[in-house]
PDB file of N, CA and C in Angstrom:
ATOM      1  N   UNK A   1      27.287  -8.141  45.238  1.00  0.00           N
ATOM      2  CA  UNK A   1      27.890  -8.464  44.022  1.00  0.00           C
ATOM      3  C   UNK A   1      26.870  -9.084  42.993  1.00  0.00           C
ATOM      4  N   UNK A   2      25.995  -9.844  43.602  1.00  0.00           N
ATOM      5  CA  UNK A   2      25.025 -10.542  42.665  1.00  0.00           C
ATOM      6  C   UNK A   2      23.971  -9.465  42.210  1.00  0.00           C
ATOM      7  N   UNK A   3      23.614  -8.422  43.080  1.00  0.00           N
ATOM      8  CA  UNK A   3      22.723  -7.357  42.653  1.00  0.00           C
ATOM      9  C   UNK A   3      23.256  -6.562  41.617  1.00  0.00           C
ATOM     10  N   UNK A   4      24.598  -6.263  41.676  1.00  0.00           N
ATOM     11  CA  UNK A   4      25.115  -5.355  40.596  1.00  0.00           C
ATOM     12  C   UNK A   4      25.264  -6.129  39.330  1.00  0.00           C
ATOM     13  N   UNK A   5      25.544  -7.432  39.350  1.00  0.00           N
ATOM     14  CA  UNK A   5      25.543  -8.294  38.070  1.00  0.00           C
ATOM     15  C   UNK A   5      24.156  -8.248  37.498  1.00  0.00           C
ATOM     16  N   UNK A   6      23.096  -8.410  38.277  1.00  0.00           N
ATOM     17  CA  UNK A   6      21.736  -8.472  37.771  1.00  0.00           C
ATOM     18  C   UNK A   6      21.385  -7.092  37.215  1.00  0.00           C
ATOM     19  N   UNK A   7      21.822  -6.060  37.857  1.00  0.00           N
ATOM     20  CA  UNK A   7      21.496  -4.615  37.288  1.00  0.00           C
ATOM     21  C   UNK A   7      22.232  -4.516  35.973  1.00  0.00           C
ATOM     22  N   UNK A   8      23.459  -4.921  35.945  1.00  0.00           N
ATOM     23  CA  UNK A   8      24.302  -4.713  34.598  1.00  0.00           C
ATOM     24  C   UNK A   8      23.546  -5.546  33.567  1.00  0.00           C
ATOM     25  N   UNK A   9      23.086  -6.668  33.768  1.00  0.00           N
ATOM     26  CA  UNK A   9      22.455  -7.593  32.723  1.00  0.00           C
ATOM     27  C   UNK A   9      21.110  -6.826  32.351  1.00  0.00           C
ATOM     28  N   UNK A  10      20.381  -6.256  33.312  1.00  0.00           N
ATOM     29  CA  UNK A  10      19.126  -5.569  33.008  1.00  0.00           C
ATOM     30  C   UNK A  10      19.279  -4.354  32.100  1.00  0.00           C
ATOM     31  N   UNK A  11      20.422  -3.644  32.392  1.00  0.00           N
ATOM     32  CA  UNK A  11      20.785  -2.456  31.649  1.00  0.00           C
ATOM     33  C   UNK A  11      21.209  -2.686  30.244  1.00  0.00           C
ATOM     34  N   UNK A  12      21.943  -3.833  30.154  1.00  0.00           N
ATOM     35  CA  UNK A  12      22.368  -4.339  28.770  1.00  0.00           C
ATOM     36  C   UNK A  12      21.082  -4.730  27.920  1.00  0.00           C
ATOM     37  N   UNK A  13      20.216  -5.449  28.596  1.00  0.00           N
ATOM     38  CA  UNK A  13      18.918  -5.915  27.899  1.00  0.00           C
ATOM     39  C   UNK A  13      18.215  -4.772  27.392  1.00  0.00           C
ATOM     40  N   UNK A  14      18.068  -3.701  28.154  1.00  0.00           N
ATOM     41  CA  UNK A  14      17.252  -2.510  27.876  1.00  0.00           C
ATOM     42  C   UNK A  14      18.066  -1.758  26.594  1.00  0.00           C
ATOM     43  N   UNK A  15      19.401  -1.684  26.683  1.00  0.00           N
ATOM     44  CA  UNK A  15      20.171  -1.088  25.505  1.00  0.00           C
ATOM     45  C   UNK A  15      19.977  -1.926  24.271  1.00  0.00           C
ATOM     46  N   UNK A  16      19.988  -3.208  24.370  1.00  0.00           N
ATOM     47  CA  UNK A  16      19.711  -4.103  23.191  1.00  0.00           C
ATOM     48  C   UNK A  16      18.406  -3.972  22.625  1.00  0.00           C
ATOM     49  N   UNK A  17      17.438  -3.826  23.448  1.00  0.00           N
ATOM     50  CA  UNK A  17      16.035  -3.637  22.972  1.00  0.00           C
ATOM     51  C   UNK A  17      15.879  -2.224  22.250  1.00  0.00           C
ATOM     52  N   UNK A  18      16.529  -1.160  22.861  1.00  0.00           N
ATOM     53  CA  UNK A  18      16.386   0.063  22.215  1.00  0.00           C
ATOM     54  C   UNK A  18      17.262   0.160  20.902  1.00  0.00           C
ATOM     55  N   UNK A  19      18.346  -0.520  20.911  1.00  0.00           N
ATOM     56  CA  UNK A  19      19.088  -0.538  19.654  1.00  0.00           C
ATOM     57  C   UNK A  19      18.356  -1.331  18.537  1.00  0.00           C
ATOM     58  N   UNK A  20      17.618  -2.343  18.873  1.00  0.00           N
ATOM     59  CA  UNK A  20      16.786  -3.065  17.961  1.00  0.00           C
ATOM     60  C   UNK A  20      15.727  -2.187  17.365  1.00  0.00           C
ATOM     61  N   UNK A  21      15.067  -1.451  18.251  1.00  0.00           N
ATOM     62  CA  UNK A  21      13.992  -0.554  17.819  1.00  0.00           C
ATOM     63  C   UNK A  21      14.583   0.560  16.879  1.00  0.00           C
ATOM     64  N   UNK A  22      15.721   1.008  17.224  1.00  0.00           N
ATOM     65  CA  UNK A  22      16.370   2.050  16.338  1.00  0.00           C
ATOM     66  C   UNK A  22      16.621   1.507  14.978  1.00  0.00           C
ATOM     67  N   UNK A  23      17.016   0.323  14.910  1.00  0.00           N
ATOM     68  CA  UNK A  23      17.413  -0.270  13.648  1.00  0.00           C
ATOM     69  C   UNK A  23      16.152  -0.556  12.672  1.00  0.00           C
ATOM     70  N   UNK A  24      14.935  -0.899  13.315  1.00  0.00           N
ATOM     71  CA  UNK A  24      13.856  -1.086  12.437  1.00  0.00           C
ATOM     72  C   UNK A  24      13.109   0.184  12.217  1.00  0.00           C
ATOM     73  N   UNK A  25      13.270   1.183  12.849  1.00  0.00           N
ATOM     74  CA  UNK A  25      12.503   2.374  12.656  1.00  0.00           C
ATOM     75  C   UNK A  25      12.785   3.020  11.210  1.00  0.00           C
ATOM     76  N   UNK A  26      13.960   3.092  10.650  1.00  0.00           N
ATOM     77  CA  UNK A  26      14.122   3.586   9.379  1.00  0.00           C
ATOM     78  C   UNK A  26      13.413   2.639   8.258  1.00  0.00           C
ATOM     79  N   UNK A  27      13.373   1.367   8.470  1.00  0.00           N
ATOM     80  CA  UNK A  27      12.671   0.434   7.552  1.00  0.00           C
ATOM     81  C   UNK A  27      11.247   0.752   7.553  1.00  0.00           C
ATOM     82  N   UNK A  28      10.627   1.011   8.704  1.00  0.00           N
ATOM     83  CA  UNK A  28       9.238   1.197   8.851  1.00  0.00           C
ATOM     84  C   UNK A  28       8.841   2.596   8.098  1.00  0.00           C
ATOM     85  N   UNK A  29       9.703   3.647   8.378  1.00  0.00           N
ATOM     86  CA  UNK A  29       9.435   4.874   7.710  1.00  0.00           C
ATOM     87  C   UNK A  29       9.670   4.783   6.220  1.00  0.00           C
ATOM     88  N   UNK A  30      10.557   4.066   5.650  1.00  0.00           N
ATOM     89  CA  UNK A  30      10.732   3.836   4.259  1.00  0.00           C
ATOM     90  C   UNK A  30       9.502   3.176   3.692  1.00  0.00           C
ATOM     91  N   UNK A  31       8.949   2.093   4.187  1.00  0.00           N
ATOM     92  CA  UNK A  31       7.816   1.425   3.693  1.00  0.00           C
ATOM     93  C   UNK A  31       6.574   2.381   3.655  1.00  0.00           C
ATOM     94  N   UNK A  32       6.472   3.235   4.777  1.00  0.00           N
ATOM     95  CA  UNK A  32       5.346   4.156   4.837  1.00  0.00           C
ATOM     96  C   UNK A  32       5.401   5.252   3.742  1.00  0.00           C
ATOM     97  N   UNK A  33       6.743   5.745   3.461  1.00  0.00           N
ATOM     98  CA  UNK A  33       6.879   6.752   2.561  1.00  0.00           C
ATOM     99  C   UNK A  33       6.628   6.345   1.141  1.00  0.00           C
ATOM    100  N   UNK A  34       6.810   5.069   0.761  1.00  0.00           N
ATOM    101  CA  UNK A  34       6.547   4.541  -0.554  1.00  0.00           C
ATOM    102  C   UNK A  34       5.051   4.491  -0.827  1.00  0.00           C
ATOM    103  N   UNK A  35       4.092   4.304   0.084  1.00  0.00           N
ATOM    104  CA  UNK A  35       2.692   4.116  -0.004  1.00  0.00           C
ATOM    105  C   UNK A  35       2.080   5.483  -0.425  1.00  0.00           C
ATOM    106  N   UNK A  36       1.323   5.420  -1.428  1.00  0.00           N
ATOM    107  CA  UNK A  36       0.666   6.606  -2.005  1.00  0.00           C
ATOM    108  C   UNK A  36      -0.821   6.291  -2.306  1.00  0.00           C
ATOM    109  N   UNK A  37      -1.610   7.315  -2.611  1.00  0.00           N
ATOM    110  CA  UNK A  37      -3.031   7.089  -2.927  1.00  0.00           C
ATOM    111  C   UNK A  37      -3.265   8.031  -4.112  1.00  0.00           C
ATOM    112  N   UNK A  38      -3.895   7.531  -5.099  1.00  0.00           N
ATOM    113  CA  UNK A  38      -4.439   8.208  -6.313  1.00  0.00           C
ATOM    114  C   UNK A  38      -5.830   8.088  -6.504  1.00  0.00           C
ATOM    115  N   UNK A  39      -6.564   9.149  -6.606  1.00  0.00           N
ATOM    116  CA  UNK A  39      -8.003   9.134  -6.898  1.00  0.00           C
ATOM    117  C   UNK A  39      -8.437   9.657  -8.162  1.00  0.00           C
ATOM    118  N   UNK A  40      -9.412   9.025  -8.713  1.00  0.00           N
ATOM    119  CA  UNK A  40      -9.956   9.503 -10.079  1.00  0.00           C
ATOM    120  C   UNK A  40     -10.991   8.587 -10.615  1.00  0.00           C
ATOM    121  N   UNK A  41     -11.036   8.589 -11.902  1.00  0.00           N
ATOM    122  CA  UNK A  41     -12.092   7.768 -12.626  1.00  0.00           C
ATOM    123  C   UNK A  41     -11.395   6.639 -13.305  1.00  0.00           C
ATOM    124  N   UNK A  42     -11.892   5.541 -13.165  1.00  0.00           N
ATOM    125  CA  UNK A  42     -11.393   4.267 -13.809  1.00  0.00           C
ATOM    126  C   UNK A  42     -11.567   4.470 -15.248  1.00  0.00           C
ATOM    127  N   UNK A  43     -10.497   4.329 -16.076  1.00  0.00           N
ATOM    128  CA  UNK A  43     -10.655   4.512 -17.518  1.00  0.00           C
ATOM    129  C   UNK A  43     -10.364   3.306 -18.243  1.00  0.00           C
ATOM    130  N   UNK A  44      -9.533   2.324 -17.713  1.00  0.00           N
ATOM    131  CA  UNK A  44      -9.257   1.077 -18.447  1.00  0.00           C
ATOM    132  C   UNK A  44      -8.814  -0.025 -17.530  1.00  0.00           C
ATOM    133  N   UNK A  45      -9.122  -1.266 -17.770  1.00  0.00           N
ATOM    134  CA  UNK A  45      -8.643  -2.335 -17.071  1.00  0.00           C
ATOM    135  C   UNK A  45      -8.253  -3.435 -18.073  1.00  0.00           C
ATOM    136  N   UNK A  46      -6.911  -3.858 -17.984  1.00  0.00           N
ATOM    137  CA  UNK A  46      -6.410  -4.918 -18.909  1.00  0.00           C
ATOM    138  C   UNK A  46      -6.129  -6.125 -17.999  1.00  0.00           C
ATOM    139  N   UNK A  47      -7.058  -7.118 -17.996  1.00  0.00           N
ATOM    140  CA  UNK A  47      -6.841  -8.283 -17.120  1.00  0.00           C
ATOM    141  C   UNK A  47      -5.674  -9.136 -17.656  1.00  0.00           C
ATOM    142  N   UNK A  48      -5.301  -9.106 -18.840  1.00  0.00           N
ATOM    143  CA  UNK A  48      -4.266  -9.925 -19.430  1.00  0.00           C
ATOM    144  C   UNK A  48      -2.886  -9.384 -18.916  1.00  0.00           C
ATOM    145  N   UNK A  49      -2.775  -8.014 -18.871  1.00  0.00           N
ATOM    146  CA  UNK A  49      -1.500  -7.342 -18.518  1.00  0.00           C
ATOM    147  C   UNK A  49      -1.546  -7.092 -16.949  1.00  0.00           C
ATOM    148  N   UNK A  50      -2.677  -7.337 -16.407  1.00  0.00           N
ATOM    149  CA  UNK A  50      -2.890  -6.973 -14.886  1.00  0.00           C
ATOM    150  C   UNK A  50      -2.538  -5.539 -14.625  1.00  0.00           C
ATOM    151  N   UNK A  51      -3.252  -4.637 -15.424  1.00  0.00           N
ATOM    152  CA  UNK A  51      -3.051  -3.162 -15.265  1.00  0.00           C
ATOM    153  C   UNK A  51      -4.423  -2.530 -15.230  1.00  0.00           C
ATOM    154  N   UNK A  52      -4.462  -1.346 -14.677  1.00  0.00           N
ATOM    155  CA  UNK A  52      -5.571  -0.448 -14.719  1.00  0.00           C
ATOM    156  C   UNK A  52      -5.084   0.962 -14.806  1.00  0.00           C
ATOM    157  N   UNK A  53      -6.004   1.785 -15.483  1.00  0.00           N
ATOM    158  CA  UNK A  53      -5.723   3.087 -15.675  1.00  0.00           C
ATOM    159  C   UNK A  53      -6.696   4.073 -14.918  1.00  0.00           C
ATOM    160  N   UNK A  54      -6.229   5.148 -14.281  1.00  0.00           N
ATOM    161  CA  UNK A  54      -7.098   6.035 -13.569  1.00  0.00           C
ATOM    162  C   UNK A  54      -6.783   7.480 -13.986  1.00  0.00           C
ATOM    163  N   UNK A  55      -7.776   8.262 -14.302  1.00  0.00           N
ATOM    164  CA  UNK A  55      -7.597   9.609 -14.622  1.00  0.00           C
ATOM    165  C   UNK A  55      -8.145  10.500 -13.556  1.00  0.00           C
ATOM    166  N   UNK A  56      -7.317  11.480 -12.921  1.00  0.00           N
ATOM    167  CA  UNK A  56      -7.941  12.347 -11.903  1.00  0.00           C
ATOM    168  C   UNK A  56      -8.501  13.550 -12.438  1.00  0.00           C
ATOM    169  N   UNK A  57      -9.097  14.370 -11.558  1.00  0.00           N
ATOM    170  CA  UNK A  57      -9.804  15.485 -11.985  1.00  0.00           C
ATOM    171  C   UNK A  57      -9.004  16.658 -12.718  1.00  0.00           C
ATOM    172  N   UNK A  58      -7.632  16.512 -12.457  1.00  0.00           N
ATOM    173  CA  UNK A  58      -6.763  17.395 -13.276  1.00  0.00           C
ATOM    174  C   UNK A  58      -6.384  16.950 -14.652  1.00  0.00           C
ATOM    175  N   UNK A  59      -6.927  15.778 -14.981  1.00  0.00           N
ATOM    176  CA  UNK A  59      -6.542  15.171 -16.346  1.00  0.00           C
ATOM    177  C   UNK A  59      -5.314  14.379 -16.307  1.00  0.00           C
ATOM    178  N   UNK A  60      -4.716  14.127 -15.182  1.00  0.00           N
ATOM    179  CA  UNK A  60      -3.538  13.200 -15.066  1.00  0.00           C
ATOM    180  C   UNK A  60      -3.894  11.806 -15.077  1.00  0.00           C
ATOM    181  N   UNK A  61      -3.489  10.918 -16.009  1.00  0.00           N
ATOM    182  CA  UNK A  61      -3.726   9.570 -16.034  1.00  0.00           C
ATOM    183  C   UNK A  61      -2.583   8.768 -15.547  1.00  0.00           C
ATOM    184  N   UNK A  62      -2.854   7.798 -14.744  1.00  0.00           N
ATOM    185  CA  UNK A  62      -1.749   6.934 -14.253  1.00  0.00           C
ATOM    186  C   UNK A  62      -2.129   5.473 -14.478  1.00  0.00           C
ATOM    187  N   UNK A  63      -1.186   4.671 -14.821  1.00  0.00           N
ATOM    188  CA  UNK A  63      -1.388   3.231 -14.919  1.00  0.00           C
ATOM    189  C   UNK A  63      -0.703   2.435 -13.765  1.00  0.00           C
ATOM    190  N   UNK A  64      -1.489   1.521 -13.212  1.00  0.00           N
ATOM    191  CA  UNK A  64      -1.045   0.686 -12.092  1.00  0.00           C
ATOM    192  C   UNK A  64      -1.112  -0.694 -12.400  1.00  0.00           C
ATOM    193  N   UNK A  65      -0.191  -1.467 -11.793  1.00  0.00           N
ATOM    194  CA  UNK A  65      -0.219  -2.920 -11.878  1.00  0.00           C
ATOM    195  C   UNK A  65      -1.021  -3.481 -10.620  1.00  0.00           C
ATOM    196  N   UNK A  66      -1.550  -4.566 -10.800  1.00  0.00           N
ATOM    197  CA  UNK A  66      -2.173  -5.236  -9.697  1.00  0.00           C
ATOM    198  C   UNK A  66      -1.756  -6.761  -9.707  1.00  0.00           C
ATOM    199  N   UNK A  67      -1.823  -7.361  -8.554  1.00  0.00           N
ATOM    200  CA  UNK A  67      -1.468  -8.841  -8.423  1.00  0.00           C
ATOM    201  C   UNK A  67      -2.466  -9.509  -7.503  1.00  0.00           C
ATOM    202  N   UNK A  68      -2.130 -10.749  -7.224  1.00  0.00           N
ATOM    203  CA  UNK A  68      -3.053 -11.702  -6.350  1.00  0.00           C
ATOM    204  C   UNK A  68      -3.232 -11.029  -4.992  1.00  0.00           C
ATOM    205  N   UNK A  69      -2.210 -10.174  -4.460  1.00  0.00           N
ATOM    206  CA  UNK A  69      -2.283  -9.717  -3.081  1.00  0.00           C
ATOM    207  C   UNK A  69      -3.103  -8.317  -3.046  1.00  0.00           C
ATOM    208  N   UNK A  70      -3.351  -7.829  -4.175  1.00  0.00           N
ATOM    209  CA  UNK A  70      -4.131  -6.551  -4.294  1.00  0.00           C
ATOM    210  C   UNK A  70      -5.607  -6.753  -3.746  1.00  0.00           C
ATOM    211  N   UNK A  71      -5.888  -5.950  -2.716  1.00  0.00           N
ATOM    212  CA  UNK A  71      -7.291  -6.071  -2.184  1.00  0.00           C
ATOM    213  C   UNK A  71      -8.195  -5.303  -3.018  1.00  0.00           C
ATOM    214  N   UNK A  72      -9.390  -5.696  -3.338  1.00  0.00           N
ATOM    215  CA  UNK A  72     -10.315  -4.990  -4.231  1.00  0.00           C
ATOM    216  C   UNK A  72     -11.569  -4.845  -3.376  1.00  0.00           C
ATOM    217  N   UNK A  73     -12.026  -3.579  -3.125  1.00  0.00           N
ATOM    218  CA  UNK A  73     -13.137  -3.258  -2.414  1.00  0.00           C
ATOM    219  C   UNK A  73     -14.217  -2.580  -3.300  1.00  0.00           C
ATOM    220  N   UNK A  74     -15.396  -3.237  -3.344  1.00  0.00           N
ATOM    221  CA  UNK A  74     -16.414  -2.834  -4.313  1.00  0.00           C
ATOM    222  C   UNK A  74     -16.172  -3.701  -5.535  1.00  0.00           C
ATOM    223  N   UNK A  75     -16.934  -3.521  -6.598  1.00  0.00           N
ATOM    224  CA  UNK A  75     -16.726  -4.199  -7.832  1.00  0.00           C
ATOM    225  C   UNK A  75     -16.860  -5.677  -7.627  1.00  0.00           C
ATOM    226  N   UNK A  76     -17.710  -6.189  -6.769  1.00  0.00           N
ATOM    227  CA  UNK A  76     -17.865  -7.526  -6.380  1.00  0.00           C
ATOM    228  C   UNK A  76     -16.541  -8.173  -5.855  1.00  0.00           C
ATOM    229  N   UNK A  77     -15.582  -7.308  -5.444  1.00  0.00           N
ATOM    230  CA  UNK A  77     -14.381  -7.808  -4.815  1.00  0.00           C
ATOM    231  C   UNK A  77     -13.402  -8.578  -5.742  1.00  0.00           C
ATOM    232  N   UNK A  78     -13.664  -8.454  -7.056  1.00  0.00           N
ATOM    233  CA  UNK A  78     -12.788  -9.236  -7.993  1.00  0.00           C
ATOM    234  C   UNK A  78     -12.266  -8.376  -9.162  1.00  0.00           C
ATOM    235  N   UNK A  79     -11.347  -8.867  -9.817  1.00  0.00           N
ATOM    236  CA  UNK A  79     -10.744  -8.228 -10.994  1.00  0.00           C
ATOM    237  C   UNK A  79     -11.852  -8.279 -12.110  1.00  0.00           C
ATOM    238  N   UNK A  80     -12.643  -9.335 -12.288  1.00  0.00           N
ATOM    239  CA  UNK A  80     -13.671  -9.435 -13.199  1.00  0.00           C
ATOM    240  C   UNK A  80     -14.661  -8.347 -13.059  1.00  0.00           C
ATOM    241  N   UNK A  81     -15.035  -8.167 -11.837  1.00  0.00           N
ATOM    242  CA  UNK A  81     -16.009  -7.087 -11.489  1.00  0.00           C
ATOM    243  C   UNK A  81     -15.434  -5.703 -11.674  1.00  0.00           C
ATOM    244  N   UNK A  82     -14.119  -5.536 -11.526  1.00  0.00           N
ATOM    245  CA  UNK A  82     -13.483  -4.252 -11.709  1.00  0.00           C
ATOM    246  C   UNK A  82     -13.429  -3.920 -13.204  1.00  0.00           C
ATOM    247  N   UNK A  83     -13.370  -4.906 -14.080  1.00  0.00           N
ATOM    248  CA  UNK A  83     -13.338  -4.765 -15.547  1.00  0.00           C
ATOM    249  C   UNK A  83     -14.619  -4.111 -16.093  1.00  0.00           C
ATOM    250  N   UNK A  84     -15.642  -4.263 -15.296  1.00  0.00           N
ATOM    251  CA  UNK A  84     -16.936  -3.839 -15.767  1.00  0.00           C
ATOM    252  C   UNK A  84     -17.290  -2.417 -15.162  1.00  0.00           C
ATOM    253  N   UNK A  85     -16.370  -1.848 -14.451  1.00  0.00           N
ATOM    254  CA  UNK A  85     -16.686  -0.648 -13.708  1.00  0.00           C
ATOM    255  C   UNK A  85     -16.063   0.612 -14.306  1.00  0.00           C
ATOM    256  N   UNK A  86     -15.660   0.649 -15.594  1.00  0.00           N
ATOM    257  CA  UNK A  86     -15.064   1.770 -16.226  1.00  0.00           C
ATOM    258  C   UNK A  86     -15.869   2.994 -15.992  1.00  0.00           C
ATOM    259  N   UNK A  87     -15.368   4.155 -15.736  1.00  0.00           N
ATOM    260  CA  UNK A  87     -16.131   5.432 -15.527  1.00  0.00           C
ATOM    261  C   UNK A  87     -16.474   5.587 -14.046  1.00  0.00           C
ATOM    262  N   UNK A  88     -16.179   4.643 -13.208  1.00  0.00           N
ATOM    263  CA  UNK A  88     -16.532   4.689 -11.718  1.00  0.00           C
ATOM    264  C   UNK A  88     -15.354   5.472 -11.110  1.00  0.00           C
ATOM    265  N   UNK A  89     -15.755   6.159 -10.000  1.00  0.00           N
ATOM    266  CA  UNK A  89     -14.672   6.692  -9.147  1.00  0.00           C
ATOM    267  C   UNK A  89     -13.901   5.604  -8.451  1.00  0.00           C
ATOM    268  N   UNK A  90     -12.639   5.879  -8.394  1.00  0.00           N
ATOM    269  CA  UNK A  90     -11.760   4.828  -7.789  1.00  0.00           C
ATOM    270  C   UNK A  90     -10.692   5.462  -7.042  1.00  0.00           C
ATOM    271  N   UNK A  91     -10.223   4.725  -6.003  1.00  0.00           N
ATOM    272  CA  UNK A  91      -9.156   5.163  -5.068  1.00  0.00           C
ATOM    273  C   UNK A  91      -8.106   4.029  -5.088  1.00  0.00           C
ATOM    274  N   UNK A  92      -6.849   4.344  -5.544  1.00  0.00           N
ATOM    275  CA  UNK A  92      -5.867   3.350  -5.598  1.00  0.00           C
ATOM    276  C   UNK A  92      -4.747   3.579  -4.624  1.00  0.00           C
ATOM    277  N   UNK A  93      -4.506   2.605  -3.714  1.00  0.00           N
ATOM    278  CA  UNK A  93      -3.476   2.650  -2.716  1.00  0.00           C
ATOM    279  C   UNK A  93      -2.339   1.886  -3.400  1.00  0.00           C
ATOM    280  N   UNK A  94      -1.106   2.509  -3.580  1.00  0.00           N
ATOM    281  CA  UNK A  94      -0.152   1.878  -4.374  1.00  0.00           C
ATOM    282  C   UNK A  94       1.281   2.130  -3.754  1.00  0.00           C
ATOM    283  N   UNK A  95       2.153   1.273  -4.269  1.00  0.00           N
ATOM    284  CA  UNK A  95       3.571   1.475  -3.888  1.00  0.00           C
ATOM    285  C   UNK A  95       4.224   2.362  -4.987  1.00  0.00           C
ATOM    286  N   UNK A  96       4.796   3.495  -4.569  1.00  0.00           N
ATOM    287  CA  UNK A  96       5.214   4.406  -5.551  1.00  0.00           C
ATOM    288  C   UNK A  96       6.478   3.948  -6.403  1.00  0.00           C
ATOM    289  N   UNK A  97       7.208   3.061  -5.764  1.00  0.00           N
ATOM    290  CA  UNK A  97       8.386   2.585  -6.451  1.00  0.00           C
ATOM    291  C   UNK A  97       8.074   1.631  -7.581  1.00  0.00           C
ATOM    292  N   UNK A  98       7.092   0.734  -7.375  1.00  0.00           N
ATOM    293  CA  UNK A  98       6.664  -0.204  -8.351  1.00  0.00           C
ATOM    294  C   UNK A  98       5.401   0.187  -9.136  1.00  0.00           C
ATOM    295  N   UNK A  99       4.678   1.117  -8.620  1.00  0.00           N
ATOM    296  CA  UNK A  99       3.224   1.436  -9.112  1.00  0.00           C
ATOM    297  C   UNK A  99       2.373   0.241  -9.122  1.00  0.00           C
ATOM    298  N   UNK A 100       2.598  -0.581  -8.011  1.00  0.00           N
ATOM    299  CA  UNK A 100       1.695  -1.776  -7.906  1.00  0.00           C
ATOM    300  C   UNK A 100       0.594  -1.444  -6.876  1.00  0.00           C
ATOM    301  N   UNK A 101      -0.619  -1.580  -7.239  1.00  0.00           N
ATOM    302  CA  UNK A 101      -1.762  -1.320  -6.347  1.00  0.00           C
ATOM    303  C   UNK A 101      -1.736  -2.413  -5.147  1.00  0.00           C
ATOM    304  N   UNK A 102      -1.888  -1.876  -4.005  1.00  0.00           N
ATOM    305  CA  UNK A 102      -2.004  -2.691  -2.808  1.00  0.00           C
ATOM    306  C   UNK A 102      -3.555  -2.878  -2.406  1.00  0.00           C
ATOM    307  N   UNK A 103      -4.284  -1.803  -2.802  1.00  0.00           N
ATOM    308  CA  UNK A 103      -5.742  -1.765  -2.462  1.00  0.00           C
ATOM    309  C   UNK A 103      -6.399  -0.948  -3.507  1.00  0.00           C
ATOM    310  N   UNK A 104      -7.522  -1.362  -4.061  1.00  0.00           N
ATOM    311  CA  UNK A 104      -8.358  -0.584  -4.955  1.00  0.00           C
ATOM    312  C   UNK A 104      -9.724  -0.541  -4.551  1.00  0.00           C
ATOM    313  N   UNK A 105     -10.273   0.759  -4.232  1.00  0.00           N
ATOM    314  CA  UNK A 105     -11.508   0.950  -3.716  1.00  0.00           C
ATOM    315  C   UNK A 105     -12.412   1.590  -4.913  1.00  0.00           C
ATOM    316  N   UNK A 106     -13.460   0.877  -5.161  1.00  0.00           N
ATOM    317  CA  UNK A 106     -14.376   1.287  -6.350  1.00  0.00           C
ATOM    318  C   UNK A 106     -15.612   1.947  -5.646  1.00  0.00           C
ATOM    319  N   UNK A 107     -15.972   3.154  -6.070  1.00  0.00           N
ATOM    320  CA  UNK A 107     -17.266   3.834  -5.619  1.00  0.00           C
ATOM    321  C   UNK A 107     -18.342   3.684  -6.594  1.00  0.00           C
ATOM    322  N   UNK A 108     -19.478   4.076  -6.255  1.00  0.00           N
ATOM    323  CA  UNK A 108     -20.636   3.934  -7.135  1.00  0.00           C
ATOM    324  C   UNK A 108     -20.564   5.106  -8.329  1.00  0.00           C
ATOM    325  N   UNK A 109     -21.004   4.688  -9.455  1.00  0.00           N
ATOM    326  CA  UNK A 109     -21.020   5.624 -10.544  1.00  0.00           C
ATOM    327  C   UNK A 109     -21.913   6.794 -10.234  1.00  0.00           C
ATOM    328  N   UNK A 110     -21.573   8.041 -10.653  1.00  0.00           N
ATOM    329  CA  UNK A 110     -22.438   9.099 -10.332  1.00  0.00           C
ATOM    330  C   UNK A 110     -23.387   9.460 -11.454  1.00  0.00           C
TER     331      UNK A 110
END
């Protein structure tokens, strides 16, 4: 009797774990699907509005917001350094819903 009770509890625990994983899976997929990358040339930085503009090789220009959580790689790792990098190749990782940059990678000018 005790063994069947223990087995039933173990089975319920496994089902609860699997149900929890099934519930968070759509949330993970949604957050990944909103993440995008845009590559091009840095055309403008507005530190007051906290925006930057990037134009890709097809001539499409996009404007992105950035905030304190945005990671900046290159450009001395700061927004001030970013403002001096106009014309440099840039890769912007951003949330497609808000167009907020999560990571900005600045390359060397060519």
